[in-house]
N, C-alpha and C. Protein backbone atom coordinates (compact mmCIF):
# COMPACT_ATOMS: atom_id res chain seq x y z
N MET A 1 -74.44 -54.34 65.26
CA MET A 1 -73.03 -54.66 65.12
C MET A 1 -72.81 -56.10 65.59
N VAL A 2 -72.04 -56.84 64.80
CA VAL A 2 -71.70 -58.22 65.14
C VAL A 2 -70.28 -58.27 65.69
N LEU A 3 -70.15 -58.89 66.85
CA LEU A 3 -68.86 -58.99 67.53
C LEU A 3 -68.50 -60.46 67.71
N GLY A 4 -67.21 -60.77 67.54
CA GLY A 4 -66.71 -62.11 67.80
C GLY A 4 -65.98 -62.13 69.12
N LEU A 5 -66.15 -63.21 69.88
CA LEU A 5 -65.49 -63.36 71.17
C LEU A 5 -64.70 -64.65 71.19
N ALA A 6 -63.57 -64.63 71.90
CA ALA A 6 -62.77 -65.83 72.10
C ALA A 6 -62.00 -65.70 73.40
N SER A 7 -61.72 -66.86 74.01
CA SER A 7 -60.93 -66.87 75.23
C SER A 7 -60.30 -68.24 75.42
N ASP A 8 -59.33 -68.27 76.33
CA ASP A 8 -58.86 -69.56 76.84
C ASP A 8 -59.54 -69.77 78.19
N HIS A 9 -59.12 -70.78 78.92
CA HIS A 9 -59.73 -71.09 80.21
C HIS A 9 -59.62 -69.94 81.21
N ALA A 10 -58.49 -69.23 81.21
CA ALA A 10 -58.29 -68.14 82.16
C ALA A 10 -59.15 -66.92 81.84
N GLY A 11 -59.57 -66.79 80.61
CA GLY A 11 -60.42 -65.68 80.21
C GLY A 11 -61.89 -66.05 80.08
N TYR A 12 -62.20 -67.32 80.31
CA TYR A 12 -63.56 -67.82 80.11
C TYR A 12 -64.61 -67.05 80.91
N GLU A 13 -64.37 -66.87 82.20
CA GLU A 13 -65.36 -66.20 83.04
C GLU A 13 -65.60 -64.77 82.57
N MET A 14 -64.54 -64.05 82.22
CA MET A 14 -64.70 -62.68 81.73
C MET A 14 -65.42 -62.66 80.39
N LYS A 15 -65.09 -63.60 79.52
CA LYS A 15 -65.76 -63.67 78.21
C LYS A 15 -67.26 -63.87 78.40
N GLU A 16 -67.62 -64.78 79.27
CA GLU A 16 -69.04 -65.05 79.50
C GLU A 16 -69.75 -63.85 80.10
N PHE A 17 -69.10 -63.16 81.01
CA PHE A 17 -69.66 -61.95 81.61
C PHE A 17 -69.88 -60.89 80.53
N ILE A 18 -68.87 -60.66 79.71
CA ILE A 18 -68.96 -59.64 78.65
C ILE A 18 -69.98 -60.06 77.59
N LYS A 19 -70.05 -61.33 77.28
CA LYS A 19 -71.04 -61.79 76.30
C LYS A 19 -72.46 -61.44 76.77
N GLN A 20 -72.77 -61.71 78.01
CA GLN A 20 -74.10 -61.39 78.54
C GLN A 20 -74.34 -59.88 78.55
N TYR A 21 -73.33 -59.13 78.89
CA TYR A 21 -73.43 -57.67 78.88
C TYR A 21 -73.75 -57.18 77.46
N LEU A 22 -73.00 -57.67 76.47
CA LEU A 22 -73.19 -57.23 75.08
C LEU A 22 -74.55 -57.63 74.54
N LEU A 23 -74.97 -58.85 74.84
CA LEU A 23 -76.29 -59.30 74.39
C LEU A 23 -77.38 -58.41 74.99
N GLY A 24 -77.21 -58.03 76.24
CA GLY A 24 -78.16 -57.13 76.90
C GLY A 24 -78.19 -55.75 76.28
N LYS A 25 -77.11 -55.35 75.64
CA LYS A 25 -77.02 -54.06 74.95
C LYS A 25 -77.49 -54.13 73.50
N GLY A 26 -77.88 -55.33 73.05
CA GLY A 26 -78.41 -55.48 71.70
C GLY A 26 -77.41 -55.86 70.63
N TYR A 27 -76.17 -56.15 71.01
CA TYR A 27 -75.17 -56.60 70.04
C TYR A 27 -75.44 -58.05 69.65
N SER A 28 -75.05 -58.41 68.44
CA SER A 28 -75.01 -59.81 68.02
C SER A 28 -73.62 -60.33 68.34
N VAL A 29 -73.54 -61.55 68.84
CA VAL A 29 -72.27 -62.10 69.29
C VAL A 29 -72.05 -63.48 68.69
N ASN A 30 -70.87 -63.68 68.13
CA ASN A 30 -70.39 -64.99 67.71
C ASN A 30 -69.32 -65.42 68.71
N ASP A 31 -69.52 -66.54 69.36
CA ASP A 31 -68.61 -67.02 70.39
C ASP A 31 -67.78 -68.17 69.84
N TYR A 32 -66.46 -67.98 69.78
CA TYR A 32 -65.55 -68.98 69.22
C TYR A 32 -64.90 -69.83 70.31
N GLY A 33 -65.42 -69.73 71.53
CA GLY A 33 -64.92 -70.57 72.62
C GLY A 33 -63.81 -69.89 73.38
N THR A 34 -63.39 -70.54 74.35
CA THR A 34 -63.68 -71.84 74.90
C THR A 34 -65.03 -71.83 75.60
N ASN A 35 -65.51 -73.01 75.93
CA ASN A 35 -66.83 -73.12 76.51
C ASN A 35 -66.82 -73.63 77.94
N SER A 36 -65.67 -73.55 78.59
CA SER A 36 -65.56 -73.94 80.00
C SER A 36 -64.27 -73.37 80.57
N GLY A 37 -64.10 -73.56 81.85
CA GLY A 37 -62.88 -73.14 82.52
C GLY A 37 -61.81 -74.22 82.53
N ASP A 38 -62.02 -75.30 81.78
CA ASP A 38 -61.03 -76.37 81.71
C ASP A 38 -59.81 -75.91 80.92
N SER A 39 -58.65 -76.33 81.35
CA SER A 39 -57.39 -75.93 80.71
C SER A 39 -57.44 -76.18 79.20
N CYS A 40 -56.99 -75.19 78.44
CA CYS A 40 -56.99 -75.30 76.98
C CYS A 40 -55.92 -74.37 76.42
N ASP A 41 -55.75 -74.38 75.12
CA ASP A 41 -54.74 -73.58 74.44
C ASP A 41 -55.40 -72.39 73.74
N TYR A 42 -54.95 -71.18 74.07
CA TYR A 42 -55.56 -69.95 73.54
C TYR A 42 -55.57 -69.90 72.02
N ALA A 43 -54.54 -70.44 71.39
CA ALA A 43 -54.46 -70.35 69.92
C ALA A 43 -55.62 -71.08 69.24
N ASP A 44 -56.13 -72.13 69.88
CA ASP A 44 -57.25 -72.89 69.30
C ASP A 44 -58.50 -72.03 69.14
N TYR A 45 -58.60 -70.96 69.90
CA TYR A 45 -59.77 -70.08 69.85
C TYR A 45 -59.45 -68.75 69.19
N ALA A 46 -58.19 -68.35 69.26
CA ALA A 46 -57.76 -67.10 68.62
C ALA A 46 -57.87 -67.21 67.10
N HIS A 47 -57.42 -68.31 66.54
CA HIS A 47 -57.39 -68.42 65.08
C HIS A 47 -58.78 -68.38 64.45
N PRO A 48 -59.78 -69.10 64.97
CA PRO A 48 -61.12 -68.95 64.37
C PRO A 48 -61.68 -67.53 64.49
N LEU A 49 -61.42 -66.87 65.61
CA LEU A 49 -61.87 -65.48 65.75
C LEU A 49 -61.19 -64.59 64.72
N ALA A 50 -59.89 -64.71 64.58
CA ALA A 50 -59.15 -63.89 63.61
C ALA A 50 -59.65 -64.13 62.19
N GLU A 51 -59.85 -65.38 61.84
CA GLU A 51 -60.34 -65.71 60.49
C GLU A 51 -61.71 -65.10 60.24
N ALA A 52 -62.58 -65.13 61.24
CA ALA A 52 -63.92 -64.56 61.08
C ALA A 52 -63.87 -63.04 60.94
N VAL A 53 -62.99 -62.38 61.67
CA VAL A 53 -62.84 -60.93 61.52
C VAL A 53 -62.26 -60.61 60.15
N GLU A 54 -61.28 -61.38 59.71
CA GLU A 54 -60.69 -61.17 58.38
C GLU A 54 -61.74 -61.29 57.28
N LYS A 55 -62.65 -62.24 57.43
CA LYS A 55 -63.70 -62.47 56.42
C LYS A 55 -64.85 -61.48 56.51
N GLY A 56 -64.87 -60.66 57.56
CA GLY A 56 -65.94 -59.70 57.72
C GLY A 56 -67.18 -60.27 58.40
N GLU A 57 -67.07 -61.47 58.96
CA GLU A 57 -68.21 -62.06 59.66
C GLU A 57 -68.50 -61.34 60.98
N ASN A 58 -67.50 -60.67 61.51
CA ASN A 58 -67.63 -59.86 62.72
C ASN A 58 -67.00 -58.50 62.43
N GLN A 59 -67.64 -57.44 62.88
CA GLN A 59 -67.05 -56.12 62.68
C GLN A 59 -65.80 -55.96 63.53
N PHE A 60 -65.88 -56.45 64.77
CA PHE A 60 -64.75 -56.41 65.70
C PHE A 60 -64.69 -57.71 66.46
N GLY A 61 -63.52 -57.95 67.07
CA GLY A 61 -63.36 -59.09 67.95
C GLY A 61 -62.95 -58.64 69.33
N LEU A 62 -63.28 -59.47 70.30
CA LEU A 62 -62.89 -59.26 71.69
C LEU A 62 -62.30 -60.56 72.18
N ALA A 63 -61.11 -60.48 72.76
CA ALA A 63 -60.40 -61.69 73.17
C ALA A 63 -59.93 -61.56 74.61
N PHE A 64 -59.90 -62.71 75.30
CA PHE A 64 -59.58 -62.73 76.71
C PHE A 64 -58.69 -63.93 77.03
N CYS A 65 -57.61 -63.68 77.72
CA CYS A 65 -56.85 -64.77 78.34
C CYS A 65 -56.27 -64.22 79.63
N GLY A 66 -55.60 -65.06 80.39
CA GLY A 66 -55.14 -64.64 81.71
C GLY A 66 -54.33 -63.36 81.67
N SER A 67 -53.23 -63.38 80.95
CA SER A 67 -52.38 -62.19 80.84
C SER A 67 -52.76 -61.32 79.66
N GLY A 68 -53.47 -61.88 78.71
CA GLY A 68 -53.80 -61.18 77.48
C GLY A 68 -52.74 -61.34 76.41
N ASN A 69 -51.56 -61.76 76.79
CA ASN A 69 -50.45 -61.83 75.84
C ASN A 69 -50.56 -62.97 74.83
N GLY A 70 -50.78 -64.17 75.31
CA GLY A 70 -50.78 -65.33 74.41
C GLY A 70 -51.81 -65.24 73.31
N ILE A 71 -53.04 -64.90 73.68
CA ILE A 71 -54.09 -64.83 72.67
C ILE A 71 -53.85 -63.65 71.72
N ASN A 72 -53.31 -62.55 72.25
CA ASN A 72 -53.01 -61.39 71.42
C ASN A 72 -51.93 -61.71 70.38
N ILE A 73 -50.89 -62.39 70.80
CA ILE A 73 -49.83 -62.78 69.87
C ILE A 73 -50.40 -63.68 68.78
N SER A 74 -51.22 -64.65 69.17
CA SER A 74 -51.83 -65.57 68.19
C SER A 74 -52.69 -64.82 67.19
N LEU A 75 -53.49 -63.90 67.66
CA LEU A 75 -54.37 -63.13 66.78
C LEU A 75 -53.57 -62.31 65.77
N ASN A 76 -52.49 -61.72 66.22
CA ASN A 76 -51.70 -60.85 65.35
C ASN A 76 -50.85 -61.61 64.34
N ARG A 77 -50.88 -62.91 64.35
CA ARG A 77 -50.21 -63.70 63.31
C ARG A 77 -51.00 -63.66 62.00
N HIS A 78 -52.23 -63.20 62.06
CA HIS A 78 -53.10 -63.17 60.88
C HIS A 78 -52.98 -61.85 60.14
N LYS A 79 -52.82 -61.95 58.84
CA LYS A 79 -52.78 -60.77 57.99
C LYS A 79 -54.13 -60.06 58.08
N GLY A 80 -54.10 -58.78 58.25
CA GLY A 80 -55.34 -58.02 58.33
C GLY A 80 -55.89 -57.87 59.73
N ILE A 81 -55.26 -58.52 60.69
CA ILE A 81 -55.69 -58.39 62.08
C ILE A 81 -54.74 -57.43 62.79
N ARG A 82 -55.34 -56.51 63.50
CA ARG A 82 -54.60 -55.59 64.35
C ARG A 82 -55.23 -55.69 65.74
N SER A 83 -54.74 -56.65 66.48
CA SER A 83 -55.25 -56.88 67.83
C SER A 83 -54.46 -56.04 68.81
N ALA A 84 -55.17 -55.29 69.62
CA ALA A 84 -54.54 -54.38 70.58
C ALA A 84 -54.73 -54.91 72.00
N TYR A 85 -53.66 -54.91 72.75
CA TYR A 85 -53.66 -55.33 74.15
C TYR A 85 -54.11 -54.14 74.98
N CYS A 86 -55.31 -54.21 75.54
CA CYS A 86 -55.92 -53.07 76.21
C CYS A 86 -56.17 -53.35 77.68
N TRP A 87 -55.54 -52.56 78.52
CA TRP A 87 -55.73 -52.69 79.97
C TRP A 87 -56.25 -51.41 80.60
N LYS A 88 -56.40 -50.36 79.78
CA LYS A 88 -56.93 -49.07 80.20
C LYS A 88 -57.82 -48.53 79.09
N THR A 89 -58.77 -47.69 79.45
CA THR A 89 -59.65 -47.12 78.42
C THR A 89 -58.87 -46.25 77.44
N GLU A 90 -57.85 -45.55 77.93
CA GLU A 90 -57.07 -44.69 77.03
C GLU A 90 -56.34 -45.51 75.97
N ILE A 91 -55.86 -46.68 76.35
CA ILE A 91 -55.19 -47.56 75.39
C ILE A 91 -56.18 -48.05 74.35
N ALA A 92 -57.38 -48.43 74.78
CA ALA A 92 -58.42 -48.88 73.84
C ALA A 92 -58.78 -47.77 72.86
N GLU A 93 -58.90 -46.55 73.35
CA GLU A 93 -59.23 -45.42 72.48
C GLU A 93 -58.12 -45.18 71.45
N LEU A 94 -56.88 -45.18 71.90
CA LEU A 94 -55.77 -44.95 70.97
C LEU A 94 -55.60 -46.11 69.99
N ALA A 95 -55.92 -47.31 70.42
CA ALA A 95 -55.84 -48.47 69.52
C ALA A 95 -56.77 -48.31 68.33
N ARG A 96 -57.93 -47.73 68.56
CA ARG A 96 -58.87 -47.49 67.47
C ARG A 96 -58.49 -46.22 66.71
N LEU A 97 -58.24 -45.13 67.42
CA LEU A 97 -57.94 -43.84 66.78
C LEU A 97 -56.73 -43.92 65.87
N HIS A 98 -55.64 -44.46 66.37
CA HIS A 98 -54.36 -44.41 65.66
C HIS A 98 -53.98 -45.70 64.95
N ASN A 99 -54.47 -46.84 65.42
CA ASN A 99 -54.04 -48.13 64.87
C ASN A 99 -55.12 -48.88 64.12
N ASP A 100 -56.33 -48.35 64.11
CA ASP A 100 -57.46 -49.02 63.46
C ASP A 100 -57.55 -50.49 63.92
N ALA A 101 -57.33 -50.71 65.21
CA ALA A 101 -57.40 -52.08 65.75
C ALA A 101 -58.77 -52.67 65.50
N ASN A 102 -58.80 -53.95 65.14
CA ASN A 102 -60.07 -54.60 64.90
C ASN A 102 -60.37 -55.70 65.92
N ILE A 103 -59.44 -55.95 66.83
CA ILE A 103 -59.68 -56.85 67.95
C ILE A 103 -59.10 -56.20 69.21
N CYS A 104 -59.87 -56.27 70.27
CA CYS A 104 -59.46 -55.76 71.57
C CYS A 104 -59.17 -56.97 72.46
N THR A 105 -57.95 -57.06 72.95
CA THR A 105 -57.56 -58.16 73.83
C THR A 105 -57.39 -57.62 75.25
N VAL A 106 -57.97 -58.35 76.20
CA VAL A 106 -58.01 -57.91 77.59
C VAL A 106 -57.35 -58.96 78.49
N PRO A 107 -56.53 -58.51 79.45
CA PRO A 107 -55.91 -59.43 80.41
C PRO A 107 -56.90 -59.77 81.54
N ALA A 108 -57.63 -60.84 81.39
CA ALA A 108 -58.76 -61.16 82.27
C ALA A 108 -58.39 -61.31 83.74
N ARG A 109 -57.19 -61.77 84.02
CA ARG A 109 -56.80 -61.97 85.42
C ARG A 109 -56.35 -60.68 86.11
N PHE A 110 -56.22 -59.60 85.38
CA PHE A 110 -55.62 -58.40 85.93
C PHE A 110 -56.51 -57.17 85.94
N ILE A 111 -57.73 -57.29 85.44
CA ILE A 111 -58.64 -56.15 85.49
C ILE A 111 -59.99 -56.59 86.05
N GLU A 112 -60.69 -55.64 86.62
CA GLU A 112 -62.03 -55.90 87.17
C GLU A 112 -63.06 -55.85 86.04
N LYS A 113 -64.20 -56.46 86.27
CA LYS A 113 -65.25 -56.53 85.26
C LYS A 113 -65.75 -55.15 84.84
N ASP A 114 -65.90 -54.24 85.79
CA ASP A 114 -66.37 -52.89 85.44
C ASP A 114 -65.39 -52.19 84.50
N LEU A 115 -64.09 -52.34 84.76
CA LEU A 115 -63.09 -51.74 83.88
C LEU A 115 -63.11 -52.41 82.52
N CYS A 116 -63.32 -53.71 82.48
CA CYS A 116 -63.41 -54.41 81.20
C CYS A 116 -64.54 -53.85 80.35
N ILE A 117 -65.68 -53.60 80.97
CA ILE A 117 -66.81 -53.00 80.25
C ILE A 117 -66.42 -51.63 79.70
N GLU A 118 -65.78 -50.81 80.52
CA GLU A 118 -65.37 -49.48 80.08
C GLU A 118 -64.40 -49.55 78.90
N ILE A 119 -63.45 -50.48 78.97
CA ILE A 119 -62.47 -50.66 77.89
C ILE A 119 -63.18 -51.03 76.60
N ILE A 120 -64.07 -51.99 76.67
CA ILE A 120 -64.76 -52.46 75.47
C ILE A 120 -65.69 -51.38 74.92
N GLU A 121 -66.40 -50.70 75.78
CA GLU A 121 -67.27 -49.61 75.31
C GLU A 121 -66.46 -48.53 74.59
N LYS A 122 -65.31 -48.16 75.16
CA LYS A 122 -64.46 -47.15 74.52
C LYS A 122 -63.95 -47.65 73.17
N PHE A 123 -63.51 -48.90 73.13
CA PHE A 123 -63.00 -49.50 71.89
C PHE A 123 -64.08 -49.46 70.80
N LEU A 124 -65.29 -49.88 71.14
CA LEU A 124 -66.36 -49.96 70.15
C LEU A 124 -66.89 -48.60 69.73
N ALA A 125 -66.78 -47.61 70.59
CA ALA A 125 -67.32 -46.28 70.31
C ALA A 125 -66.35 -45.37 69.57
N THR A 126 -65.09 -45.80 69.44
CA THR A 126 -64.07 -44.94 68.86
C THR A 126 -63.82 -45.30 67.39
N ALA A 127 -63.84 -44.30 66.55
CA ALA A 127 -63.58 -44.49 65.12
C ALA A 127 -62.10 -44.26 64.81
N PHE A 128 -61.62 -44.91 63.78
CA PHE A 128 -60.26 -44.70 63.29
C PHE A 128 -60.14 -43.28 62.76
N GLU A 129 -59.09 -42.60 63.18
CA GLU A 129 -58.87 -41.21 62.81
C GLU A 129 -58.39 -41.05 61.37
N GLY A 130 -57.74 -42.06 60.83
CA GLY A 130 -57.23 -41.96 59.47
C GLY A 130 -56.11 -40.95 59.36
N GLY A 131 -56.10 -40.21 58.25
CA GLY A 131 -55.08 -39.17 58.05
C GLY A 131 -53.68 -39.73 58.12
N ARG A 132 -52.83 -39.09 58.91
CA ARG A 132 -51.43 -39.49 59.00
C ARG A 132 -51.26 -40.91 59.51
N HIS A 133 -52.28 -41.45 60.17
CA HIS A 133 -52.19 -42.81 60.71
C HIS A 133 -52.40 -43.88 59.63
N GLN A 134 -53.09 -43.52 58.55
CA GLN A 134 -53.38 -44.50 57.51
C GLN A 134 -52.10 -45.07 56.88
N CYS A 135 -51.15 -44.22 56.57
CA CYS A 135 -49.92 -44.72 55.95
C CYS A 135 -49.15 -45.62 56.93
N ARG A 136 -49.26 -45.34 58.19
CA ARG A 136 -48.60 -46.19 59.19
C ARG A 136 -49.25 -47.58 59.24
N ILE A 137 -50.55 -47.61 59.15
CA ILE A 137 -51.27 -48.89 59.12
C ILE A 137 -50.85 -49.69 57.89
N GLU A 138 -50.73 -49.02 56.76
CA GLU A 138 -50.34 -49.70 55.53
C GLU A 138 -48.95 -50.30 55.61
N LYS A 139 -48.08 -49.76 56.44
CA LYS A 139 -46.71 -50.27 56.59
C LYS A 139 -46.61 -51.48 57.52
N ILE A 140 -47.68 -51.80 58.21
CA ILE A 140 -47.65 -52.93 59.15
C ILE A 140 -47.50 -54.25 58.41
N GLU A 141 -48.29 -54.44 57.38
CA GLU A 141 -48.32 -55.73 56.68
C GLU A 141 -47.06 -55.94 55.85
N ILE A 142 -46.48 -57.13 55.99
CA ILE A 142 -45.30 -57.51 55.23
C ILE A 142 -45.72 -58.63 54.28
N GLU A 143 -45.39 -58.49 53.05
CA GLU A 143 -45.73 -59.53 52.06
C GLU A 143 -44.79 -60.72 52.18
């Protein structure tokens, strides 16, 4: 499975931690930055990640910023992206089951690394349930 990662400066440390974890688990990872803890703008990294997920270059994306909000909002500006703000494993599971989320966004300043791993593992291991949820997903996109 190929995963795309992106963060701003506040999510950089968590992104790097998760990247090493995923590589150790045998995942392929595309890193869209940032590449340091220097102050930067989350949208500069969210948009390349979203575009790569839209094109199918990554099966899923993982995004990190301080609160999780800014990068999540930027990601969701893209048609075909359903980025879910996940701070608990149950939220990550429901994001996949009911919303067919294709990017998991984590608030790096507000969760511990062990919980971040649990959230991402749950997100990646959960399949979209389909059924009654499919028509709801189809209503998200506005032409």
